[in-house]
Structure formats: C-alpha cells, structure tokens
Amino acid sequence: MNETGISETSQYLTFRLGDEIFALDVSQVREVLDLSPITRVPRAPEFMRGVINVRGTVVPVVDLRLKFGLSRIKNTVDTRIVVMEILIDGETTVLGALADSVEEVIELDPAHIEPPPRIGMRWRTDFIKGIGKQEEKFIILLDIDRIFSTEELALVEKTGADLDLEEEEDDLSHEPHAEAETEAAEEVEEK
C-alpha cells in the first residue's frame, strides 16, 4: 500500500472546476444529470445552491466551486450535477454537486497516484486522497466524505427533510378531507 492508502486500481469519474480536473471514486457516484432547475433554500449556506427533484426524492445540491473558495460562474450547456453518496458518521447521505463539466471515467493504478504535496497546494489537503497522473494531466482525487463537516451535512439533510414534509403537506392540502380538517382545527384553536 502506498502513502495515499489506495492499494488497488480503481475507476474514477473526472470532472472540471475551472482549469482543474478532479475525480471521485465511481463507487460513490449514483448518476450524472443535466442541469435542471434548482429550488433555492432560505437561510442555507452560500455553497448550498438548493434542492432538485430526482425521481420523487429531494436531493440537496452544493456548488463545489464555492465550497473550494472559487468564484461562482454562470452555468453553461456543459454544467452537470453529479449525484453522489457520502458516508458521514456511518450514515449515507445523497448529495448533488455542480461541476463545470464532466469528463470521463478513468482507471488509475496506485503506482500513478501520489499523496498531495504538503505545501504549495491551492486546495485543502485533507479533502484530497491523492494526485493522479494520466499522460500529461494531473487529476485531484477528492475524498468526498471529508469535504463537508457533519454540521454542514446535518443542515443539508434537515433542509431536504423539511422540503419533503412541505411537499407532503402540499399534497394533503389538495385533498378535500384535508381542507375540512384544517378548517376544523382552526375553529378549535379560536375557541
């Protein structure tokens, strides 16, 4: 096993943020989506862009550019949402991440992966598993489980859960019985 802790050849999904190429282990990627409308969430951190509906499930979407301290850019036809699973404190969280573009799936041998340099890095090294080399390109392998703090993910999960509840309440309010129940409850409160 080398210094990065990566001991076997793995597949990675590569994507771009600005001029840099990043990669995620494909085992953590659920799917890649075209950009769809994102519903903004009040009082969310700036890097959290909002939520999207993925086949009936509310999925929070984060802007990795903002999380990494880059400037926000306009979305383009190449902008994608990478839906991934993050493991924090033993629990899996589904999260979407905006990428300027998604490149390809590659295989990297551990011999072509080096630990991140301790100095001179633009990125926080605790977010990085290693630096992969493929032909003349350097690829930053992200440790996606360490990018977001437990508190940040708790906020993201709570936001998604709150929106799930709001949608359920909206669905109930369209039912004739729900309207009558709401009116009855309001009358009781007035008394």
N, C-alpha and C. Protein backbone atom coordinates (compact mmCIF):
# COMPACT_ATOMS: atom_id res chain seq x y z
N MET A 1 0.85 -1.18 0.00
CA MET A 1 0.00 0.00 0.00
C MET A 1 0.90 1.25 0.00
N ASN A 2 0.55 2.24 -0.84
CA ASN A 2 1.36 3.45 -0.87
C ASN A 2 0.87 4.44 0.18
N GLU A 3 1.51 5.63 0.22
CA GLU A 3 1.19 6.62 1.25
C GLU A 3 -0.24 7.15 1.18
N THR A 4 -0.89 7.03 0.04
CA THR A 4 -2.25 7.57 -0.11
C THR A 4 -3.29 6.64 0.49
N GLY A 5 -2.91 5.40 0.78
CA GLY A 5 -3.87 4.43 1.29
C GLY A 5 -4.64 3.75 0.18
N ILE A 6 -4.35 4.09 -1.08
CA ILE A 6 -5.01 3.46 -2.23
C ILE A 6 -4.16 2.28 -2.65
N SER A 7 -4.73 1.08 -2.57
CA SER A 7 -3.92 -0.12 -2.79
C SER A 7 -4.28 -0.89 -4.05
N GLU A 8 -5.37 -0.54 -4.70
CA GLU A 8 -5.74 -1.27 -5.92
C GLU A 8 -6.23 -0.31 -6.99
N THR A 9 -6.16 -0.78 -8.23
CA THR A 9 -6.62 0.03 -9.36
C THR A 9 -8.12 0.29 -9.19
N SER A 10 -8.50 1.55 -9.34
CA SER A 10 -9.90 1.93 -9.18
C SER A 10 -10.34 2.79 -10.36
N GLN A 11 -11.67 2.88 -10.51
CA GLN A 11 -12.24 3.74 -11.54
C GLN A 11 -12.69 5.03 -10.89
N TYR A 12 -12.49 6.13 -11.63
CA TYR A 12 -12.84 7.45 -11.14
C TYR A 12 -13.61 8.22 -12.20
N LEU A 13 -14.60 8.98 -11.75
CA LEU A 13 -15.31 9.90 -12.64
C LEU A 13 -14.57 11.24 -12.56
N THR A 14 -14.13 11.75 -13.70
CA THR A 14 -13.41 13.02 -13.71
C THR A 14 -14.35 14.15 -14.13
N PHE A 15 -14.12 15.31 -13.50
CA PHE A 15 -14.92 16.49 -13.83
C PHE A 15 -14.05 17.73 -13.65
N ARG A 16 -14.51 18.82 -14.22
CA ARG A 16 -13.74 20.07 -14.16
C ARG A 16 -14.41 21.10 -13.27
N LEU A 17 -13.57 21.82 -12.56
CA LEU A 17 -13.95 23.06 -11.86
C LEU A 17 -12.88 24.04 -12.29
N GLY A 18 -13.25 25.00 -13.14
CA GLY A 18 -12.25 25.91 -13.69
C GLY A 18 -11.27 25.14 -14.55
N ASP A 19 -9.98 25.38 -14.32
CA ASP A 19 -8.94 24.73 -15.12
C ASP A 19 -8.49 23.40 -14.52
N GLU A 20 -8.99 23.07 -13.35
CA GLU A 20 -8.53 21.86 -12.65
C GLU A 20 -9.42 20.66 -12.96
N ILE A 21 -8.79 19.49 -12.99
CA ILE A 21 -9.53 18.24 -13.17
C ILE A 21 -9.57 17.53 -11.82
N PHE A 22 -10.77 17.19 -11.38
CA PHE A 22 -10.99 16.47 -10.14
C PHE A 22 -11.56 15.10 -10.45
N ALA A 23 -11.52 14.21 -9.48
CA ALA A 23 -12.08 12.87 -9.68
C ALA A 23 -12.70 12.36 -8.40
N LEU A 24 -13.76 11.58 -8.58
CA LEU A 24 -14.44 10.88 -7.48
C LEU A 24 -14.42 9.40 -7.79
N ASP A 25 -14.30 8.59 -6.76
CA ASP A 25 -14.40 7.15 -6.93
C ASP A 25 -15.80 6.84 -7.47
N VAL A 26 -15.87 6.06 -8.56
CA VAL A 26 -17.18 5.80 -9.17
C VAL A 26 -18.13 5.07 -8.24
N SER A 27 -17.60 4.38 -7.25
CA SER A 27 -18.48 3.68 -6.31
C SER A 27 -19.33 4.65 -5.50
N GLN A 28 -18.94 5.93 -5.44
CA GLN A 28 -19.69 6.93 -4.69
C GLN A 28 -20.63 7.73 -5.58
N VAL A 29 -20.55 7.53 -6.89
CA VAL A 29 -21.37 8.30 -7.83
C VAL A 29 -22.61 7.49 -8.18
N ARG A 30 -23.78 8.10 -7.96
CA ARG A 30 -25.04 7.44 -8.33
C ARG A 30 -25.37 7.68 -9.80
N GLU A 31 -25.25 8.97 -10.21
CA GLU A 31 -25.56 9.32 -11.59
C GLU A 31 -25.09 10.73 -11.88
N VAL A 32 -25.06 11.06 -13.17
CA VAL A 32 -24.71 12.40 -13.61
C VAL A 32 -25.93 12.93 -14.35
N LEU A 33 -26.40 14.12 -13.94
CA LEU A 33 -27.61 14.71 -14.52
C LEU A 33 -27.28 15.99 -15.27
N ASP A 34 -28.06 16.25 -16.32
CA ASP A 34 -28.02 17.57 -16.94
C ASP A 34 -28.51 18.56 -15.90
N LEU A 35 -28.12 19.80 -16.07
CA LEU A 35 -28.57 20.83 -15.14
C LEU A 35 -30.08 20.98 -15.22
N SER A 36 -30.72 20.96 -14.08
CA SER A 36 -32.17 21.14 -14.01
C SER A 36 -32.45 22.29 -13.05
N PRO A 37 -33.68 22.81 -13.03
CA PRO A 37 -33.97 23.91 -12.11
C PRO A 37 -33.69 23.53 -10.65
N ILE A 38 -33.01 24.43 -9.97
CA ILE A 38 -32.64 24.21 -8.56
C ILE A 38 -33.48 25.17 -7.72
N THR A 39 -34.20 24.62 -6.74
CA THR A 39 -35.02 25.43 -5.85
C THR A 39 -34.15 25.93 -4.71
N ARG A 40 -34.05 27.24 -4.59
CA ARG A 40 -33.23 27.86 -3.55
C ARG A 40 -33.86 27.61 -2.19
N VAL A 41 -33.02 27.41 -1.18
CA VAL A 41 -33.49 27.15 0.18
C VAL A 41 -33.12 28.34 1.06
N PRO A 42 -34.10 28.94 1.73
CA PRO A 42 -33.79 30.09 2.60
C PRO A 42 -32.82 29.72 3.72
N ARG A 43 -31.98 30.66 4.08
CA ARG A 43 -31.02 30.55 5.19
C ARG A 43 -30.01 29.41 5.04
N ALA A 44 -29.82 28.91 3.82
CA ALA A 44 -28.82 27.85 3.60
C ALA A 44 -27.45 28.51 3.41
N PRO A 45 -26.37 27.77 3.69
CA PRO A 45 -25.04 28.33 3.45
C PRO A 45 -24.88 28.68 1.97
N GLU A 46 -23.99 29.61 1.67
CA GLU A 46 -23.84 30.08 0.28
C GLU A 46 -23.50 28.95 -0.69
N PHE A 47 -22.66 27.99 -0.24
CA PHE A 47 -22.26 26.92 -1.16
C PHE A 47 -23.41 25.97 -1.49
N MET A 48 -24.48 25.99 -0.67
CA MET A 48 -25.63 25.14 -0.96
C MET A 48 -26.57 25.88 -1.89
N ARG A 49 -26.64 25.41 -3.12
CA ARG A 49 -27.42 26.11 -4.14
C ARG A 49 -28.91 25.89 -3.99
N GLY A 50 -29.32 24.76 -3.40
CA GLY A 50 -30.74 24.47 -3.24
C GLY A 50 -30.99 22.98 -3.35
N VAL A 51 -32.17 22.63 -3.85
CA VAL A 51 -32.55 21.22 -3.98
C VAL A 51 -33.14 20.97 -5.36
N ILE A 52 -33.05 19.71 -5.78
CA ILE A 52 -33.69 19.27 -7.02
C ILE A 52 -34.52 18.04 -6.72
N ASN A 53 -35.40 17.71 -7.64
CA ASN A 53 -36.24 16.53 -7.53
C ASN A 53 -35.63 15.46 -8.42
N VAL A 54 -35.19 14.37 -7.81
CA VAL A 54 -34.65 13.24 -8.58
C VAL A 54 -35.61 12.07 -8.38
N ARG A 55 -36.46 11.86 -9.37
CA ARG A 55 -37.45 10.78 -9.34
C ARG A 55 -38.23 10.74 -8.02
N GLY A 56 -38.73 11.91 -7.63
CA GLY A 56 -39.58 11.99 -6.44
C GLY A 56 -38.85 12.17 -5.13
N THR A 57 -37.53 12.24 -5.16
CA THR A 57 -36.75 12.42 -3.94
C THR A 57 -36.07 13.78 -3.97
N VAL A 58 -36.14 14.48 -2.85
CA VAL A 58 -35.47 15.77 -2.75
C VAL A 58 -33.98 15.54 -2.52
N VAL A 59 -33.15 16.11 -3.40
CA VAL A 59 -31.70 15.95 -3.30
C VAL A 59 -31.07 17.33 -3.20
N PRO A 60 -30.35 17.61 -2.09
CA PRO A 60 -29.66 18.89 -1.95
C PRO A 60 -28.53 18.99 -2.99
N VAL A 61 -28.31 20.21 -3.49
CA VAL A 61 -27.26 20.45 -4.48
C VAL A 61 -26.30 21.49 -3.92
N VAL A 62 -25.01 21.17 -3.97
CA VAL A 62 -23.98 22.09 -3.50
C VAL A 62 -23.13 22.54 -4.69
N ASP A 63 -22.55 23.71 -4.53
CA ASP A 63 -21.65 24.26 -5.55
C ASP A 63 -20.23 24.03 -5.05
N LEU A 64 -19.54 23.06 -5.65
CA LEU A 64 -18.18 22.76 -5.19
C LEU A 64 -17.24 23.94 -5.43
N ARG A 65 -17.51 24.74 -6.44
CA ARG A 65 -16.66 25.92 -6.68
C ARG A 65 -16.65 26.81 -5.44
N LEU A 66 -17.85 27.09 -4.91
CA LEU A 66 -17.94 27.95 -3.73
C LEU A 66 -17.35 27.27 -2.50
N LYS A 67 -17.59 25.98 -2.36
CA LYS A 67 -17.05 25.25 -1.21
C LYS A 67 -15.52 25.28 -1.22
N PHE A 68 -14.93 25.28 -2.42
CA PHE A 68 -13.47 25.28 -2.54
C PHE A 68 -12.88 26.69 -2.63
N GLY A 69 -13.73 27.71 -2.46
CA GLY A 69 -13.22 29.07 -2.47
C GLY A 69 -13.04 29.68 -3.85
N LEU A 70 -13.61 29.08 -4.87
CA LEU A 70 -13.56 29.65 -6.22
C LEU A 70 -14.75 30.59 -6.40
N SER A 71 -14.69 31.39 -7.43
CA SER A 71 -15.81 32.29 -7.69
C SER A 71 -16.94 31.54 -8.40
N ARG A 72 -18.15 32.04 -8.20
CA ARG A 72 -19.31 31.46 -8.87
C ARG A 72 -19.25 31.87 -10.34
N ILE A 73 -19.63 30.95 -11.22
CA ILE A 73 -19.68 31.28 -12.64
C ILE A 73 -21.08 30.98 -13.16
N LYS A 74 -21.37 31.49 -14.34
CA LYS A 74 -22.66 31.21 -14.96
C LYS A 74 -22.68 29.76 -15.41
N ASN A 75 -23.84 29.14 -15.30
CA ASN A 75 -23.99 27.78 -15.79
C ASN A 75 -23.92 27.79 -17.31
N THR A 76 -23.40 26.70 -17.87
CA THR A 76 -23.30 26.56 -19.32
C THR A 76 -23.99 25.27 -19.75
N VAL A 77 -23.95 24.99 -21.05
CA VAL A 77 -24.55 23.74 -21.54
C VAL A 77 -23.77 22.53 -21.02
N ASP A 78 -22.53 22.73 -20.57
CA ASP A 78 -21.71 21.64 -20.06
C ASP A 78 -21.88 21.40 -18.56
N THR A 79 -22.51 22.34 -17.84
CA THR A 79 -22.69 22.20 -16.40
C THR A 79 -23.50 20.95 -16.09
N ARG A 80 -23.04 20.17 -15.13
CA ARG A 80 -23.71 18.93 -14.74
C ARG A 80 -23.88 18.88 -13.23
N ILE A 81 -24.82 18.03 -12.81
CA ILE A 81 -25.00 17.73 -11.39
C ILE A 81 -24.57 16.29 -11.19
N VAL A 82 -23.56 16.09 -10.37
CA VAL A 82 -23.08 14.76 -10.04
C VAL A 82 -23.77 14.34 -8.74
N VAL A 83 -24.63 13.34 -8.82
CA VAL A 83 -25.34 12.85 -7.64
C VAL A 83 -24.48 11.75 -7.02
N MET A 84 -24.14 11.95 -5.75
CA MET A 84 -23.22 11.02 -5.09
C MET A 84 -23.71 10.64 -3.71
N GLU A 85 -23.11 9.60 -3.19
CA GLU A 85 -23.40 9.15 -1.83
C GLU A 85 -22.19 9.45 -0.97
N ILE A 86 -22.44 10.14 0.14
CA ILE A 86 -21.37 10.50 1.06
C ILE A 86 -21.62 9.76 2.37
N LEU A 87 -20.56 9.21 2.94
CA LEU A 87 -20.68 8.49 4.20
C LEU A 87 -20.11 9.37 5.31
N ILE A 88 -20.97 9.77 6.23
CA ILE A 88 -20.55 10.59 7.38
C ILE A 88 -21.07 9.94 8.65
N ASP A 89 -20.17 9.71 9.59
CA ASP A 89 -20.53 9.09 10.86
C ASP A 89 -21.36 7.82 10.66
N GLY A 90 -21.00 7.03 9.66
CA GLY A 90 -21.65 5.75 9.41
C GLY A 90 -22.98 5.84 8.68
N GLU A 91 -23.42 7.05 8.33
CA GLU A 91 -24.69 7.21 7.62
C GLU A 91 -24.46 7.72 6.21
N THR A 92 -25.24 7.21 5.26
CA THR A 92 -25.13 7.62 3.87
C THR A 92 -26.05 8.80 3.59
N THR A 93 -25.50 9.81 2.95
CA THR A 93 -26.25 10.99 2.55
C THR A 93 -26.14 11.13 1.04
N VAL A 94 -27.26 11.38 0.37
CA VAL A 94 -27.25 11.60 -1.07
C VAL A 94 -27.18 13.10 -1.31
N LEU A 95 -26.27 13.49 -2.19
CA LEU A 95 -25.98 14.89 -2.41
C LEU A 95 -25.65 15.11 -3.87
N GLY A 96 -26.11 16.22 -4.43
CA GLY A 96 -25.74 16.59 -5.79
C GLY A 96 -24.67 17.66 -5.73
N ALA A 97 -23.72 17.61 -6.65
CA ALA A 97 -22.66 18.61 -6.70
C ALA A 97 -22.56 19.17 -8.11
N LEU A 98 -22.53 20.50 -8.20
CA LEU A 98 -22.38 21.14 -9.51
C LEU A 98 -20.94 21.02 -9.98
N ALA A 99 -20.78 20.66 -11.25
CA ALA A 99 -19.46 20.60 -11.88
C ALA A 99 -19.54 21.40 -13.17
N ASP A 100 -18.45 22.11 -13.49
CA ASP A 100 -18.44 22.90 -14.73
C ASP A 100 -18.65 21.99 -15.94
N SER A 101 -18.08 20.80 -15.88
CA SER A 101 -18.30 19.79 -16.91
C SER A 101 -17.85 18.45 -16.37
N VAL A 102 -18.41 17.38 -16.91
CA VAL A 102 -17.98 16.03 -16.54
C VAL A 102 -17.19 15.49 -17.72
N GLU A 103 -16.02 14.92 -17.43
CA GLU A 103 -15.12 14.48 -18.49
C GLU A 103 -15.36 13.02 -18.89
N GLU A 104 -14.87 12.09 -18.05
CA GLU A 104 -14.91 10.68 -18.41
C GLU A 104 -14.68 9.81 -17.17
N VAL A 105 -14.84 8.51 -17.35
CA VAL A 105 -14.48 7.55 -16.31
C VAL A 105 -13.12 6.99 -16.69
N ILE A 106 -12.19 7.03 -15.74
CA ILE A 106 -10.83 6.55 -15.99
C ILE A 106 -10.45 5.50 -14.95
N GLU A 107 -9.45 4.71 -15.26
CA GLU A 107 -8.86 3.79 -14.30
C GLU A 107 -7.49 4.31 -13.92
N LEU A 108 -7.21 4.30 -12.62
CA LEU A 108 -5.89 4.72 -12.16
C LEU A 108 -5.28 3.63 -11.30
N ASP A 109 -4.07 3.29 -11.62
CA ASP A 109 -3.29 2.33 -10.85
C ASP A 109 -2.67 3.07 -9.67
N PRO A 110 -2.58 2.45 -8.49
CA PRO A 110 -1.98 3.12 -7.33
C PRO A 110 -0.57 3.66 -7.60
N ALA A 111 0.15 3.03 -8.53
CA ALA A 111 1.50 3.49 -8.86
C ALA A 111 1.48 4.87 -9.52
N HIS A 112 0.33 5.26 -10.06
CA HIS A 112 0.20 6.57 -10.72
C HIS A 112 -0.47 7.61 -9.82
N ILE A 113 -0.55 7.30 -8.53
CA ILE A 113 -1.19 8.22 -7.58
C ILE A 113 -0.17 8.57 -6.49
N GLU A 114 0.01 9.85 -6.28
CA GLU A 114 0.93 10.31 -5.24
C GLU A 114 0.14 11.06 -4.16
N PRO A 115 0.66 11.11 -2.95
CA PRO A 115 -0.01 11.91 -1.91
C PRO A 115 0.03 13.39 -2.29
N PRO A 116 -0.95 14.17 -1.82
CA PRO A 116 -0.92 15.60 -2.14
C PRO A 116 0.28 16.26 -1.48
N PRO A 117 0.89 17.24 -2.16
CA PRO A 117 2.03 17.94 -1.54
C PRO A 117 1.57 18.67 -0.28
N ARG A 118 2.43 18.75 0.70
CA ARG A 118 2.07 19.39 1.97
C ARG A 118 2.06 20.91 1.88
N ILE A 119 2.83 21.47 0.96
CA ILE A 119 2.85 22.92 0.80
C ILE A 119 2.64 23.27 -0.67
N GLY A 120 2.21 24.49 -0.89
CA GLY A 120 2.03 24.96 -2.26
C GLY A 120 0.75 24.48 -2.92
N MET A 121 -0.15 23.86 -2.14
CA MET A 121 -1.41 23.40 -2.71
C MET A 121 -2.45 24.50 -2.61
N ARG A 122 -3.21 24.65 -3.66
CA ARG A 122 -4.30 25.63 -3.68
C ARG A 122 -5.49 25.10 -2.88
N TRP A 123 -5.59 23.79 -2.74
CA TRP A 123 -6.73 23.14 -2.10
C TRP A 123 -6.34 22.59 -0.74
N ARG A 124 -7.30 22.47 0.13
CA ARG A 124 -7.04 21.87 1.45
C ARG A 124 -6.69 20.41 1.25
N THR A 125 -5.54 20.01 1.75
CA THR A 125 -5.07 18.65 1.52
C THR A 125 -5.90 17.60 2.25
N ASP A 126 -6.63 17.98 3.30
CA ASP A 126 -7.45 16.98 3.98
C ASP A 126 -8.66 16.58 3.13
N PHE A 127 -8.96 17.32 2.05
CA PHE A 127 -10.03 16.97 1.13
C PHE A 127 -9.54 16.02 0.04
N ILE A 128 -8.23 15.81 -0.03
CA ILE A 128 -7.64 15.15 -1.19
C ILE A 128 -7.03 13.80 -0.81
N LYS A 129 -7.43 12.74 -1.55
CA LYS A 129 -6.85 11.41 -1.34
C LYS A 129 -5.47 11.32 -1.96
N GLY A 130 -5.33 11.97 -3.11
CA GLY A 130 -4.06 11.90 -3.81
C GLY A 130 -4.12 12.67 -5.12
N ILE A 131 -2.97 12.71 -5.79
CA ILE A 131 -2.87 13.35 -7.10
C ILE A 131 -2.56 12.25 -8.10
N GLY A 132 -3.49 12.05 -9.04
CA GLY A 132 -3.28 11.03 -10.07
C GLY A 132 -2.60 11.63 -11.28
N LYS A 133 -1.81 10.82 -11.95
CA LYS A 133 -1.15 11.27 -13.17
C LYS A 133 -1.62 10.38 -14.31
N GLN A 134 -2.11 11.02 -15.36
CA GLN A 134 -2.53 10.29 -16.54
C GLN A 134 -2.04 11.08 -17.74
N GLU A 135 -1.15 10.44 -18.53
CA GLU A 135 -0.47 11.11 -19.62
C GLU A 135 0.18 12.36 -19.07
N GLU A 136 -0.15 13.54 -19.56
CA GLU A 136 0.47 14.78 -19.08
C GLU A 136 -0.42 15.53 -18.10
N LYS A 137 -1.54 14.93 -17.69
CA LYS A 137 -2.50 15.61 -16.82
C LYS A 137 -2.35 15.19 -15.37
N PHE A 138 -2.61 16.13 -14.47
CA PHE A 138 -2.71 15.83 -13.06
C PHE A 138 -4.19 15.86 -12.69
N ILE A 139 -4.62 14.88 -11.91
CA ILE A 139 -6.02 14.75 -11.52
C ILE A 139 -6.08 14.73 -10.00
N ILE A 140 -6.88 15.63 -9.43
CA ILE A 140 -7.00 15.72 -7.98
C ILE A 140 -8.10 14.75 -7.54
N LEU A 141 -7.70 13.71 -6.79
CA LEU A 141 -8.64 12.70 -6.31
C LEU A 141 -9.23 13.19 -4.98
N LEU A 142 -10.53 13.47 -5.00
CA LEU A 142 -11.19 14.01 -3.82
C LEU A 142 -11.58 12.92 -2.83
N ASP A 143 -11.46 13.24 -1.57
CA ASP A 143 -12.01 12.41 -0.50
C ASP A 143 -13.34 13.06 -0.13
N ILE A 144 -14.36 12.76 -0.91
CA ILE A 144 -15.64 13.48 -0.82
C ILE A 144 -16.28 13.34 0.56
N ASP A 145 -15.99 12.25 1.27
CA ASP A 145 -16.54 12.06 2.60
C ASP A 145 -16.00 13.08 3.60
N ARG A 146 -14.88 13.73 3.29
CA ARG A 146 -14.26 14.65 4.24
C ARG A 146 -14.46 16.12 3.87
N ILE A 147 -15.08 16.38 2.73
CA ILE A 147 -15.23 17.77 2.27
C ILE A 147 -16.25 18.54 3.10
N PHE A 148 -17.30 17.86 3.50
CA PHE A 148 -18.36 18.53 4.25
C PHE A 148 -18.31 18.09 5.70
N SER A 149 -18.47 19.05 6.60
CA SER A 149 -18.48 18.72 8.02
C SER A 149 -19.80 18.05 8.37
N THR A 150 -19.83 17.39 9.49
CA THR A 150 -21.05 16.75 9.97
C THR A 150 -22.15 17.79 10.14
N GLU A 151 -21.79 18.98 10.66
CA GLU A 151 -22.78 20.04 10.87
C GLU A 151 -23.36 20.52 9.54
N GLU A 152 -22.49 20.68 8.52
CA GLU A 152 -22.98 21.12 7.21
C GLU A 152 -23.93 20.10 6.62
N LEU A 153 -23.56 18.83 6.71
CA LEU A 153 -24.43 17.79 6.15
C LEU A 153 -25.72 17.65 6.94
N ALA A 154 -25.65 17.88 8.24
CA ALA A 154 -26.88 17.83 9.04
C ALA A 154 -27.83 18.93 8.56
N LEU A 155 -27.29 20.11 8.27
CA LEU A 155 -28.12 21.20 7.77
C LEU A 155 -28.70 20.85 6.40
N VAL A 156 -27.88 20.26 5.53
CA VAL A 156 -28.32 19.85 4.20
C VAL A 156 -29.43 18.80 4.31
N GLU A 157 -29.21 17.80 5.18
CA GLU A 157 -30.22 16.75 5.35
C GLU A 157 -31.51 17.32 5.92
N LYS A 158 -31.40 18.23 6.91
CA LYS A 158 -32.58 18.83 7.52
C LYS A 158 -33.36 19.62 6.47
N THR A 159 -32.66 20.35 5.63
CA THR A 159 -33.30 21.13 4.58
C THR A 159 -34.08 20.22 3.65
N GLY A 160 -33.44 19.12 3.24
CA GLY A 160 -34.11 18.16 2.36
C GLY A 160 -35.33 17.55 3.04
N ALA A 161 -35.19 17.21 4.32
CA ALA A 161 -36.31 16.61 5.05
C ALA A 161 -37.45 17.61 5.21
N ASP A 162 -37.11 18.88 5.51
CA ASP A 162 -38.14 19.92 5.64
C ASP A 162 -38.91 20.08 4.34
N LEU A 163 -38.18 20.07 3.23
CA LEU A 163 -38.85 20.23 1.95
C LEU A 163 -39.71 19.01 1.62
N ASP A 164 -39.26 17.81 2.00
CA ASP A 164 -40.08 16.61 1.82
C ASP A 164 -41.39 16.77 2.57
N LEU A 165 -41.32 17.26 3.82
CA LEU A 165 -42.53 17.45 4.63
C LEU A 165 -43.45 18.50 4.00
N GLU A 166 -42.86 19.60 3.51
CA GLU A 166 -43.68 20.64 2.89
C GLU A 166 -44.41 20.09 1.67
N GLU A 167 -43.71 19.26 0.86
CA GLU A 167 -44.35 18.69 -0.32
C GLU A 167 -45.50 17.77 0.09
N GLU A 168 -45.28 16.96 1.15
CA GLU A 168 -46.34 16.08 1.62
C GLU A 168 -47.54 16.90 2.10
N GLU A 169 -47.27 18.02 2.84
CA GLU A 169 -48.35 18.87 3.30
C GLU A 169 -49.09 19.49 2.13
N ASP A 170 -48.33 19.91 1.08
CA ASP A 170 -48.97 20.46 -0.11
C ASP A 170 -49.87 19.42 -0.76
N ASP A 171 -49.39 18.18 -0.84
CA ASP A 171 -50.20 17.11 -1.42
C ASP A 171 -51.47 16.90 -0.62
N LEU A 172 -51.36 16.92 0.71
CA LEU A 172 -52.53 16.72 1.56
C LEU A 172 -53.53 17.87 1.44
N SER A 173 -53.01 19.08 1.26
CA SER A 173 -53.90 20.23 1.21
C SER A 173 -54.78 20.22 -0.03
N HIS A 174 -54.41 19.43 -1.03
CA HIS A 174 -55.23 19.34 -2.24
C HIS A 174 -56.35 18.32 -2.10
N GLU A 175 -56.30 17.56 -1.03
CA GLU A 175 -57.35 16.57 -0.81
C GLU A 175 -58.53 17.25 -0.12
N PRO A 176 -59.76 16.92 -0.50
CA PRO A 176 -60.93 17.57 0.10
C PRO A 176 -60.99 17.41 1.62
N HIS A 177 -60.61 16.22 2.13
CA HIS A 177 -60.69 15.98 3.57
C HIS A 177 -59.70 16.85 4.33
N ALA A 178 -58.55 17.07 3.77
CA ALA A 178 -57.52 17.85 4.45
C ALA A 178 -57.99 19.28 4.67
N GLU A 179 -58.67 19.85 3.68
CA GLU A 179 -59.15 21.22 3.80
C GLU A 179 -60.16 21.33 4.94
N ALA A 180 -61.08 20.37 5.02
CA ALA A 180 -62.09 20.38 6.08
C ALA A 180 -61.42 20.20 7.44
N GLU A 181 -60.40 19.32 7.52
CA GLU A 181 -59.70 19.10 8.78
C GLU A 181 -58.97 20.37 9.22
N THR A 182 -58.36 21.07 8.26
CA THR A 182 -57.65 22.31 8.58
C THR A 182 -58.61 23.34 9.12
N GLU A 183 -59.76 23.50 8.48
CA GLU A 183 -60.76 24.46 8.95
C GLU A 183 -61.25 24.09 10.36
N ALA A 184 -61.48 22.81 10.61
CA ALA A 184 -61.94 22.36 11.92
C ALA A 184 -60.87 22.64 12.99
N ALA A 185 -59.62 22.41 12.65
CA ALA A 185 -58.53 22.65 13.60
C ALA A 185 -58.43 24.13 13.92
N GLU A 186 -58.61 25.00 12.90
CA GLU A 186 -58.56 26.44 13.13
C GLU A 186 -59.69 26.90 14.05
N GLU A 187 -60.88 26.30 13.88
CA GLU A 187 -62.03 26.65 14.74
C GLU A 187 -61.76 26.27 16.18
N VAL A 188 -61.15 25.10 16.40
CA VAL A 188 -60.82 24.64 17.74
C VAL A 188 -59.83 25.58 18.39
N GLU A 189 -58.81 26.02 17.61
CA GLU A 189 -57.79 26.93 18.14
C GLU A 189 -58.42 28.26 18.56
N GLU A 190 -59.39 28.74 17.78
CA GLU A 190 -60.03 30.02 18.09
C GLU A 190 -60.79 29.96 19.40
N LYS A 191 -61.36 28.81 19.75
CA LYS A 191 -62.16 28.65 20.97
C LYS A 191 -61.23 28.52 22.12
